[in-house]
Amino acid sequence: MVKQNYFQTLNAALESEGLVELWPTGININYGESTRVDAEDGSKYGRLISVYRREDGLYERPVHYKK
C-alpha cells in the first residue's frame, strides 16, 4: 500500500493523519509556507503538528509528534 503524500486541501492533509480535530480554526497556510501548531490532544504533553504548502498549492502530509 502506497501512502499519498500531497493533498488538494488542508483538511484532506490533516485527515490523512487523523489531525483535523487538533488544528485550530482560522489558521491558514500560504503558498510556499510551512506552519507549526502546538496542539492540545488531551494528553499530558500535547502534540506538535507541522504542515507545508507547496508553491503549486498542494499540502504535504503533516509531520506530528508528542511533545
PDB file of N, CA and C in Angstrom:
ATOM      1  N   MET A   1       0.843  -1.177   0.000  1.00  0.00           N
ATOM      2  CA  MET A   1       0.000   0.000   0.000  1.00  0.00           C
ATOM      3  C   MET A   1       0.892   1.246   0.000  1.00  0.00           C
ATOM      4  N   VAL A   2       0.635   2.159  -0.918  1.00  0.00           N
ATOM      5  CA  VAL A   2       1.402   3.384  -1.045  1.00  0.00           C
ATOM      6  C   VAL A   2       0.621   4.528  -0.395  1.00  0.00           C
ATOM      7  N   LYS A   3       1.297   5.294   0.458  1.00  0.00           N
ATOM      8  CA  LYS A   3       0.661   6.441   1.099  1.00  0.00           C
ATOM      9  C   LYS A   3       0.674   7.637   0.170  1.00  0.00           C
ATOM     10  N   GLN A   4      -0.400   8.392   0.172  1.00  0.00           N
ATOM     11  CA  GLN A   4      -0.461   9.640  -0.567  1.00  0.00           C
ATOM     12  C   GLN A   4       0.282  10.689   0.255  1.00  0.00           C
ATOM     13  N   ASN A   5       1.156  11.470  -0.386  1.00  0.00           N
ATOM     14  CA  ASN A   5       1.943  12.458   0.338  1.00  0.00           C
ATOM     15  C   ASN A   5       1.506  13.896   0.124  1.00  0.00           C
ATOM     16  N   TYR A   6       0.711  14.175  -0.920  1.00  0.00           N
ATOM     17  CA  TYR A   6       0.271  15.533  -1.204  1.00  0.00           C
ATOM     18  C   TYR A   6      -1.244  15.560  -1.404  1.00  0.00           C
ATOM     19  N   PHE A   7      -1.867  16.655  -0.924  1.00  0.00           N
ATOM     20  CA  PHE A   7      -3.316  16.752  -0.902  1.00  0.00           C
ATOM     21  C   PHE A   7      -3.774  18.110  -1.422  1.00  0.00           C
ATOM     22  N   GLN A   8      -4.971  18.145  -1.995  1.00  0.00           N
ATOM     23  CA  GLN A   8      -5.532  19.366  -2.559  1.00  0.00           C
ATOM     24  C   GLN A   8      -5.948  20.382  -1.493  1.00  0.00           C
ATOM     25  N   THR A   9      -6.363  19.904  -0.323  1.00  0.00           N
ATOM     26  CA  THR A   9      -6.847  20.802   0.730  1.00  0.00           C
ATOM     27  C   THR A   9      -6.135  20.524   2.048  1.00  0.00           C
ATOM     28  N   LEU A  10      -6.131  21.540   2.914  1.00  0.00           N
ATOM     29  CA  LEU A  10      -5.544  21.378   4.245  1.00  0.00           C
ATOM     30  C   LEU A  10      -6.300  20.312   5.027  1.00  0.00           C
ATOM     31  N   ASN A  11      -7.625  20.314   4.943  1.00  0.00           N
ATOM     32  CA  ASN A  11      -8.417  19.307   5.660  1.00  0.00           C
ATOM     33  C   ASN A  11      -8.056  17.891   5.225  1.00  0.00           C
ATOM     34  N   ALA A  12      -7.876  17.687   3.928  1.00  0.00           N
ATOM     35  CA  ALA A  12      -7.513  16.351   3.434  1.00  0.00           C
ATOM     36  C   ALA A  12      -6.146  15.936   3.969  1.00  0.00           C
ATOM     37  N   ALA A  13      -5.199  16.861   4.005  1.00  0.00           N
ATOM     38  CA  ALA A  13      -3.866  16.549   4.543  1.00  0.00           C
ATOM     39  C   ALA A  13      -3.949  16.201   6.024  1.00  0.00           C
ATOM     40  N   LEU A  14      -4.683  16.998   6.787  1.00  0.00           N
ATOM     41  CA  LEU A  14      -4.835  16.738   8.221  1.00  0.00           C
ATOM     42  C   LEU A  14      -5.556  15.425   8.476  1.00  0.00           C
ATOM     43  N   GLU A  15      -6.593  15.147   7.691  1.00  0.00           N
ATOM     44  CA  GLU A  15      -7.352  13.903   7.844  1.00  0.00           C
ATOM     45  C   GLU A  15      -6.478  12.673   7.593  1.00  0.00           C
ATOM     46  N   SER A  16      -5.503  12.792   6.712  1.00  0.00           N
ATOM     47  CA  SER A  16      -4.629  11.660   6.394  1.00  0.00           C
ATOM     48  C   SER A  16      -3.880  11.147   7.621  1.00  0.00           C
ATOM     49  N   GLU A  17      -3.715  12.007   8.628  1.00  0.00           N
ATOM     50  CA  GLU A  17      -3.040  11.615   9.870  1.00  0.00           C
ATOM     51  C   GLU A  17      -3.966  11.705  11.080  1.00  0.00           C
ATOM     52  N   GLY A  18      -5.267  11.927  10.839  1.00  0.00           N
ATOM     53  CA  GLY A  18      -6.236  11.992  11.934  1.00  0.00           C
ATOM     54  C   GLY A  18      -6.068  13.220  12.814  1.00  0.00           C
ATOM     55  N   LEU A  19      -5.720  14.363  12.209  1.00  0.00           N
ATOM     56  CA  LEU A  19      -5.401  15.560  12.984  1.00  0.00           C
ATOM     57  C   LEU A  19      -6.395  16.710  12.820  1.00  0.00           C
ATOM     58  N   VAL A  20      -7.473  16.511  12.093  1.00  0.00           N
ATOM     59  CA  VAL A  20      -8.415  17.603  11.818  1.00  0.00           C
ATOM     60  C   VAL A  20      -8.917  18.237  13.109  1.00  0.00           C
ATOM     61  N   GLU A  21      -9.265  17.456  14.093  1.00  0.00           N
ATOM     62  CA  GLU A  21      -9.823  17.969  15.338  1.00  0.00           C
ATOM     63  C   GLU A  21      -8.812  18.786  16.143  1.00  0.00           C
ATOM     64  N   LEU A  22      -7.523  18.554  15.922  1.00  0.00           N
ATOM     65  CA  LEU A  22      -6.495  19.255  16.689  1.00  0.00           C
ATOM     66  C   LEU A  22      -6.066  20.578  16.066  1.00  0.00           C
ATOM     67  N   TRP A  23      -6.386  20.788  14.779  1.00  0.00           N
ATOM     68  CA  TRP A  23      -5.960  22.003  14.081  1.00  0.00           C
ATOM     69  C   TRP A  23      -6.881  23.155  14.459  1.00  0.00           C
ATOM     70  N   PRO A  24      -6.337  24.255  14.978  1.00  0.00           N
ATOM     71  CA  PRO A  24      -7.179  25.399  15.371  1.00  0.00           C
ATOM     72  C   PRO A  24      -7.868  26.047  14.171  1.00  0.00           C
ATOM     73  N   THR A  25      -9.105  26.459  14.362  1.00  0.00           N
ATOM     74  CA  THR A  25      -9.856  27.149  13.324  1.00  0.00           C
ATOM     75  C   THR A  25      -9.201  28.488  13.028  1.00  0.00           C
ATOM     76  N   GLY A  26      -9.136  28.839  11.747  1.00  0.00           N
ATOM     77  CA  GLY A  26      -8.619  30.142  11.360  1.00  0.00           C
ATOM     78  C   GLY A  26      -7.151  30.188  11.018  1.00  0.00           C
ATOM     79  N   ILE A  27      -6.423  29.085  11.179  1.00  0.00           N
ATOM     80  CA  ILE A  27      -5.006  29.074  10.800  1.00  0.00           C
ATOM     81  C   ILE A  27      -4.902  28.534   9.387  1.00  0.00           C
ATOM     82  N   ASN A  28      -4.499  29.398   8.481  1.00  0.00           N
ATOM     83  CA  ASN A  28      -4.323  29.023   7.082  1.00  0.00           C
ATOM     84  C   ASN A  28      -2.841  29.035   6.735  1.00  0.00           C
ATOM     85  N   ILE A  29      -2.501  28.426   5.609  1.00  0.00           N
ATOM     86  CA  ILE A  29      -1.106  28.345   5.179  1.00  0.00           C
ATOM     87  C   ILE A  29      -0.995  28.935   3.779  1.00  0.00           C
ATOM     88  N   ASN A  30      -0.083  29.883   3.606  1.00  0.00           N
ATOM     89  CA  ASN A  30       0.158  30.495   2.304  1.00  0.00           C
ATOM     90  C   ASN A  30       0.987  29.576   1.411  1.00  0.00           C
ATOM     91  N   TYR A  31       0.998  29.858   0.128  1.00  0.00           N
ATOM     92  CA  TYR A  31       1.827  29.113  -0.818  1.00  0.00           C
ATOM     93  C   TYR A  31       3.294  29.223  -0.407  1.00  0.00           C
ATOM     94  N   GLY A  32       4.005  28.099  -0.421  1.00  0.00           N
ATOM     95  CA  GLY A  32       5.422  28.083  -0.097  1.00  0.00           C
ATOM     96  C   GLY A  32       5.728  28.265   1.382  1.00  0.00           C
ATOM     97  N   GLU A  33       4.736  28.097   2.234  1.00  0.00           N
ATOM     98  CA  GLU A  33       4.900  28.331   3.667  1.00  0.00           C
ATOM     99  C   GLU A  33       4.747  27.035   4.457  1.00  0.00           C
ATOM    100  N   SER A  34       5.493  26.946   5.537  1.00  0.00           N
ATOM    101  CA  SER A  34       5.360  25.859   6.493  1.00  0.00           C
ATOM    102  C   SER A  34       4.812  26.453   7.781  1.00  0.00           C
ATOM    103  N   THR A  35       3.847  25.786   8.391  1.00  0.00           N
ATOM    104  CA  THR A  35       3.233  26.274   9.623  1.00  0.00           C
ATOM    105  C   THR A  35       3.282  25.189  10.684  1.00  0.00           C
ATOM    106  N   ARG A  36       3.589  25.609  11.895  1.00  0.00           N
ATOM    107  CA  ARG A  36       3.649  24.681  13.021  1.00  0.00           C
ATOM    108  C   ARG A  36       2.583  25.072  14.039  1.00  0.00           C
ATOM    109  N   VAL A  37       1.886  24.085  14.563  1.00  0.00           N
ATOM    110  CA  VAL A  37       0.845  24.307  15.564  1.00  0.00           C
ATOM    111  C   VAL A  37       1.164  23.469  16.794  1.00  0.00           C
ATOM    112  N   ASP A  38       1.076  24.101  17.940  1.00  0.00           N
ATOM    113  CA  ASP A  38       1.244  23.435  19.222  1.00  0.00           C
ATOM    114  C   ASP A  38      -0.154  23.096  19.717  1.00  0.00           C
ATOM    115  N   ALA A  39      -0.577  21.842  19.584  1.00  0.00           N
ATOM    116  CA  ALA A  39      -1.970  21.464  19.842  1.00  0.00           C
ATOM    117  C   ALA A  39      -2.125  20.669  21.129  1.00  0.00           C
ATOM    118  N   GLU A  40      -3.228  20.916  21.794  1.00  0.00           N
ATOM    119  CA  GLU A  40      -3.601  20.120  22.964  1.00  0.00           C
ATOM    120  C   GLU A  40      -4.359  18.891  22.459  1.00  0.00           C
ATOM    121  N   ASP A  41      -3.904  17.720  22.839  1.00  0.00           N
ATOM    122  CA  ASP A  41      -4.563  16.496  22.371  1.00  0.00           C
ATOM    123  C   ASP A  41      -5.166  15.684  23.511  1.00  0.00           C
ATOM    124  N   GLY A  42      -5.280  16.294  24.686  1.00  0.00           N
ATOM    125  CA  GLY A  42      -5.860  15.595  25.829  1.00  0.00           C
ATOM    126  C   GLY A  42      -4.835  14.837  26.649  1.00  0.00           C
ATOM    127  N   SER A  43      -3.599  14.748  26.169  1.00  0.00           N
ATOM    128  CA  SER A  43      -2.559  14.068  26.933  1.00  0.00           C
ATOM    129  C   SER A  43      -1.812  15.093  27.784  1.00  0.00           C
ATOM    130  N   LYS A  44      -0.911  14.622  28.580  1.00  0.00           N
ATOM    131  CA  LYS A  44      -0.142  15.491  29.470  1.00  0.00           C
ATOM    132  C   LYS A  44       0.726  16.484  28.693  1.00  0.00           C
ATOM    133  N   TYR A  45       1.229  16.080  27.522  1.00  0.00           N
ATOM    134  CA  TYR A  45       2.217  16.886  26.813  1.00  0.00           C
ATOM    135  C   TYR A  45       1.698  17.601  25.567  1.00  0.00           C
ATOM    136  N   GLY A  46       0.663  17.109  24.946  1.00  0.00           N
ATOM    137  CA  GLY A  46       0.158  17.721  23.722  1.00  0.00           C
ATOM    138  C   GLY A  46       0.890  17.202  22.488  1.00  0.00           C
ATOM    139  N   ARG A  47       0.646  17.857  21.359  1.00  0.00           N
ATOM    140  CA  ARG A  47       1.183  17.382  20.086  1.00  0.00           C
ATOM    141  C   ARG A  47       1.661  18.575  19.262  1.00  0.00           C
ATOM    142  N   LEU A  48       2.775  18.407  18.572  1.00  0.00           N
ATOM    143  CA  LEU A  48       3.304  19.406  17.661  1.00  0.00           C
ATOM    144  C   LEU A  48       3.005  18.945  16.241  1.00  0.00           C
ATOM    145  N   ILE A  49       2.359  19.821  15.448  1.00  0.00           N
ATOM    146  CA  ILE A  49       1.964  19.479  14.076  1.00  0.00           C
ATOM    147  C   ILE A  49       2.601  20.487  13.131  1.00  0.00           C
ATOM    148  N   SER A  50       3.220  19.991  12.069  1.00  0.00           N
ATOM    149  CA  SER A  50       3.825  20.854  11.058  1.00  0.00           C
ATOM    150  C   SER A  50       3.292  20.464   9.682  1.00  0.00           C
ATOM    151  N   VAL A  51       2.853  21.486   8.907  1.00  0.00           N
ATOM    152  CA  VAL A  51       2.323  21.250   7.562  1.00  0.00           C
ATOM    153  C   VAL A  51       2.986  22.229   6.604  1.00  0.00           C
ATOM    154  N   TYR A  52       3.377  21.731   5.446  1.00  0.00           N
ATOM    155  CA  TYR A  52       3.974  22.569   4.403  1.00  0.00           C
ATOM    156  C   TYR A  52       3.028  22.646   3.201  1.00  0.00           C
ATOM    157  N   ARG A  53       2.880  23.839   2.636  1.00  0.00           N
ATOM    158  CA  ARG A  53       2.087  24.026   1.421  1.00  0.00           C
ATOM    159  C   ARG A  53       3.031  24.435   0.297  1.00  0.00           C
ATOM    160  N   ARG A  54       3.056  23.641  -0.747  1.00  0.00           N
ATOM    161  CA  ARG A  54       3.948  23.900  -1.873  1.00  0.00           C
ATOM    162  C   ARG A  54       3.508  25.124  -2.673  1.00  0.00           C
ATOM    163  N   GLU A  55       4.382  25.594  -3.545  1.00  0.00           N
ATOM    164  CA  GLU A  55       4.083  26.748  -4.401  1.00  0.00           C
ATOM    165  C   GLU A  55       2.908  26.482  -5.347  1.00  0.00           C
ATOM    166  N   ASP A  56       2.660  25.218  -5.672  1.00  0.00           N
ATOM    167  CA  ASP A  56       1.535  24.892  -6.556  1.00  0.00           C
ATOM    168  C   ASP A  56       0.225  24.697  -5.793  1.00  0.00           C
ATOM    169  N   GLY A  57       0.257  24.921  -4.471  1.00  0.00           N
ATOM    170  CA  GLY A  57      -0.961  24.870  -3.657  1.00  0.00           C
ATOM    171  C   GLY A  57      -1.222  23.551  -2.966  1.00  0.00           C
ATOM    172  N   LEU A  58      -0.481  22.496  -3.292  1.00  0.00           N
ATOM    173  CA  LEU A  58      -0.706  21.206  -2.633  1.00  0.00           C
ATOM    174  C   LEU A  58      -0.129  21.212  -1.219  1.00  0.00           C
ATOM    175  N   TYR A  59      -0.821  20.510  -0.322  1.00  0.00           N
ATOM    176  CA  TYR A  59      -0.384  20.398   1.063  1.00  0.00           C
ATOM    177  C   TYR A  59       0.339  19.068   1.253  1.00  0.00           C
ATOM    178  N   GLU A  60       1.467  19.124   1.933  1.00  0.00           N
ATOM    179  CA  GLU A  60       2.220  17.907   2.224  1.00  0.00           C
ATOM    180  C   GLU A  60       1.586  17.195   3.420  1.00  0.00           C
ATOM    181  N   ARG A  61       1.733  15.884   3.458  1.00  0.00           N
ATOM    182  CA  ARG A  61       1.241  15.114   4.616  1.00  0.00           C
ATOM    183  C   ARG A  61       1.870  15.698   5.884  1.00  0.00           C
ATOM    184  N   PRO A  62       1.069  15.971   6.920  1.00  0.00           N
ATOM    185  CA  PRO A  62       1.604  16.598   8.135  1.00  0.00           C
ATOM    186  C   PRO A  62       2.619  15.716   8.855  1.00  0.00           C
ATOM    187  N   VAL A  63       3.581  16.384   9.457  1.00  0.00           N
ATOM    188  CA  VAL A  63       4.518  15.734  10.373  1.00  0.00           C
ATOM    189  C   VAL A  63       4.031  16.074  11.766  1.00  0.00           C
ATOM    190  N   HIS A  64       3.941  15.089  12.651  1.00  0.00           N
ATOM    191  CA  HIS A  64       3.441  15.365  14.006  1.00  0.00           C
ATOM    192  C   HIS A  64       4.053  14.400  14.996  1.00  0.00           C
ATOM    193  N   TYR A  65       4.188  14.889  16.212  1.00  0.00           N
ATOM    194  CA  TYR A  65       4.706  14.041  17.288  1.00  0.00           C
ATOM    195  C   TYR A  65       4.300  14.623  18.635  1.00  0.00           C
ATOM    196  N   LYS A  66       4.338  13.761  19.641  1.00  0.00           N
ATOM    197  CA  LYS A  66       4.031  14.214  21.004  1.00  0.00           C
ATOM    198  C   LYS A  66       5.206  15.017  21.518  1.00  0.00           C
ATOM    199  N   LYS A  67       4.884  16.083  22.245  1.00  0.00           N
ATOM    200  CA  LYS A  67       5.939  16.944  22.798  1.00  0.00           C
ATOM    201  C   LYS A  67       6.559  16.302  24.013  1.00  0.00           C
TER     202      LYS A  67
END
